[in-house]
Protein backbone atom coordinates (compact mmCIF):
# COMPACT_ATOMS: atom_id res chain seq x y z
CA MET A 1 -12.10 -3.53 5.81
CA ALA A 2 -12.11 -2.59 9.29
CA ILE A 3 -10.73 -0.18 11.63
CA ILE A 4 -8.12 -2.14 13.94
CA PRO A 5 -9.15 -1.23 17.38
CA ASN A 6 -6.66 0.21 19.80
CA PHE A 7 -4.02 0.60 17.08
CA PRO A 8 -1.16 2.43 18.50
CA GLN A 9 -0.66 6.16 17.92
CA ARG A 10 3.05 6.06 17.21
CA PHE A 11 2.54 3.81 14.11
CA LEU A 12 0.07 6.42 12.72
CA ARG A 13 2.38 8.99 13.65
CA GLU A 14 5.45 7.62 12.24
CA HIS A 15 3.68 6.57 8.79
CA GLU A 16 2.49 10.31 8.56
CA ILE A 17 5.77 11.71 9.32
CA TRP A 18 7.57 9.46 6.71
CA HIS A 19 5.09 10.30 3.92
CA GLY A 20 5.55 13.82 4.76
CA ASN A 21 9.26 13.96 4.58
CA MET A 22 8.93 12.41 0.93
CA GLY A 23 8.09 15.66 -0.80
CA MET A 24 6.66 15.97 -4.15
CA ASP A 25 9.63 14.81 -6.20
CA VAL A 26 10.51 11.34 -6.42
CA ARG A 27 14.44 10.88 -6.62
CA SER A 28 16.70 8.18 -7.15
CA GLY A 29 16.60 5.99 -4.26
CA ASP A 30 12.94 7.18 -3.02
CA GLY A 31 11.52 3.96 -4.81
CA VAL A 32 13.69 1.46 -2.77
CA GLU A 33 13.06 3.57 0.29
CA PHE A 34 9.32 3.63 -0.06
CA LEU A 35 9.47 -0.41 -0.48
CA GLU A 36 11.89 -0.95 2.58
CA PHE A 37 9.92 1.44 4.87
CA HIS A 38 6.55 -0.18 4.41
CA ARG A 39 7.94 -3.66 4.56
CA ASP A 40 9.54 -2.79 7.56
CA PHE A 41 6.51 -0.58 8.92
CA LEU A 42 4.02 -3.95 8.10
CA ARG A 43 6.60 -6.17 10.11
CA ARG A 44 6.48 -4.14 13.17
CA ALA A 45 2.65 -3.21 13.08
CA LEU A 46 1.64 -6.90 12.26
CA GLU A 47 3.93 -8.18 15.29
CA TRP A 48 1.69 -5.64 17.24
CA TYR A 49 -1.50 -6.86 15.86
CA ASN A 50 -0.82 -10.60 16.43
CA THR A 51 -0.50 -9.93 20.00
CA GLN A 52 -3.98 -8.32 20.36
CA GLY A 53 -5.86 -11.64 19.14
CA LEU A 54 -7.41 -10.20 16.30
CA ASN A 55 -8.41 -12.16 13.05
CA PRO A 56 -5.12 -12.51 10.96
CA ARG A 57 -7.14 -13.04 7.88
CA MET A 58 -8.19 -9.64 7.95
CA VAL A 59 -4.65 -8.30 7.25
CA GLU A 60 -3.68 -11.06 4.61
CA PRO A 61 -2.20 -9.39 1.51
CA TRP A 62 -4.40 -9.46 -1.44
CA SER A 63 -3.76 -11.74 -4.41
CA SER A 64 -4.49 -8.99 -6.70
CA ILE A 65 -6.05 -5.63 -6.76
CA PRO A 66 -9.70 -6.57 -6.07
CA LEU A 67 -12.32 -6.11 -8.70
CA GLU A 68 -14.47 -3.87 -6.58
CA ILE A 69 -11.86 -1.36 -7.09
CA LYS A 70 -11.13 -2.25 -10.83
CA SER A 71 -14.82 -1.66 -11.71
CA HIS A 72 -14.79 1.85 -9.95
CA PRO A 73 -15.50 4.58 -12.43
CA ARG A 74 -11.97 6.13 -11.86
CA TRP A 75 -9.96 2.94 -12.50
CA SER A 76 -8.65 4.36 -15.66
CA ARG A 77 -6.70 3.02 -18.59
CA ARG A 78 -3.38 4.31 -17.31
CA LEU A 79 -3.89 2.67 -13.91
CA GLN A 80 -4.77 -0.81 -15.71
CA GLN A 81 -1.53 -0.42 -17.69
CA ALA A 82 0.37 0.21 -14.67
CA GLU A 83 -1.23 -2.95 -13.00
CA ASN A 84 -0.51 -4.78 -16.12
CA ARG A 85 3.25 -3.95 -16.48
CA ILE A 86 3.72 -5.14 -12.65
CA THR A 87 1.73 -8.39 -13.15
CA ARG A 88 2.60 -9.05 -16.54
CA ASP A 89 6.01 -7.55 -16.83
CA LEU A 90 7.83 -7.44 -13.62
CA GLU A 91 11.16 -8.17 -15.37
CA SER A 92 10.90 -4.75 -17.25
CA PHE A 93 11.97 -3.02 -13.82
CA SER A 94 15.75 -2.97 -13.62
CA SER A 95 15.83 -2.48 -9.52
CA SER A 96 13.54 -2.48 -6.61
CA ASP A 97 14.13 1.66 -6.67
CA GLU A 98 12.70 1.46 -10.26
CA LEU A 99 9.39 -0.50 -8.88
CA GLY A 100 9.15 1.69 -5.92
CA TRP A 101 9.29 4.76 -8.07
CA PHE A 102 6.82 3.29 -10.67
CA LEU A 103 4.36 2.73 -7.72
CA GLN A 104 4.38 6.06 -6.70
CA THR A 105 4.63 8.02 -9.88
CA SER A 106 2.29 5.96 -11.90
CA SER A 107 -0.33 6.91 -9.36
CA LEU A 108 -1.25 3.26 -8.63
CA HIS A 109 -0.35 3.34 -5.13
CA ASN A 110 -2.22 6.55 -3.90
CA ALA A 111 -5.44 5.31 -6.41
CA ILE A 112 -5.71 2.06 -4.55
CA HIS A 113 -5.96 3.98 -1.36
CA VAL A 114 -8.27 6.64 -2.76
CA ILE A 115 -10.57 4.33 -4.80
CA GLY A 116 -10.39 1.47 -1.87
CA SER A 117 -11.59 4.01 0.61
CA GLU A 118 -14.60 4.65 -1.37
CA VAL A 119 -15.52 1.05 -2.55
CA PHE A 120 -15.10 -0.22 0.99
CA ASN A 121 -16.49 2.51 2.78
CA ASP A 122 -13.33 3.07 4.73
CA ASP A 123 -12.21 6.75 5.08
CA ASP A 124 -9.03 5.88 7.00
CA PHE A 125 -7.80 3.72 4.08
CA GLY A 126 -7.57 6.99 1.92
CA SER A 127 -5.87 9.13 4.51
CA VAL A 128 -2.11 9.23 4.81
CA SER A 129 -2.62 9.85 8.68
CA LEU A 130 -4.93 7.01 9.47
CA ALA A 131 -4.49 4.45 6.95
CA PRO A 132 -2.16 1.98 8.90
CA ARG A 133 -5.12 1.41 11.40
CA SER A 134 -7.37 0.13 8.46
CA THR A 135 -7.23 -3.58 7.63
CA LEU A 136 -7.13 -2.72 3.82
CA PHE A 137 -3.66 -0.66 4.61
CA TYR A 138 -2.19 -4.50 5.06
CA ASN A 139 -3.88 -6.00 2.37
CA TRP A 140 -2.94 -3.50 0.04
CA HIS A 141 0.95 -3.10 1.11
CA GLY A 142 1.33 -6.86 1.54
CA LEU A 143 0.39 -7.24 -2.16
CA ILE A 144 2.91 -4.52 -3.13
CA ASP A 145 5.60 -6.60 -0.67
CA ASN A 146 4.42 -9.49 -2.53
CA TRP A 147 5.06 -7.86 -6.02
CA TRP A 148 8.73 -6.61 -4.79
CA SER A 149 9.75 -9.86 -3.31
CA GLN A 150 9.16 -11.42 -6.77
CA LEU A 151 11.57 -8.92 -8.45
């Protein structure tokens, strides 16, 4: 829940451009591309982070979606059902592409960014162009990557 000091502009720009190129419609292959991009992005950004002498615990993956987010008034039944499908019925996804597609089209991915930015008072986390300089980005995307690893 902190801004990472001296975070490289190149990473912010790369993330913003990638999302800008995704478009509004999610097509076949976009789901796995979403997962692969973020896994690779996390790896490279965290390699940089680890050279900075910063606290590694700040960027550890969440083990689950925080209760503070799930207690927010905008946490809906639909978002809870989306989380339940992933955490209780992961085998219902026939492929990595379907999981990545679901994260995007169910609004779960974006809702965590938006609600989390409010709950944790971190405007960067809710902004596509600034999210990667927030430690919350690594907590959230680390959880997503862990879900994907279990598929």
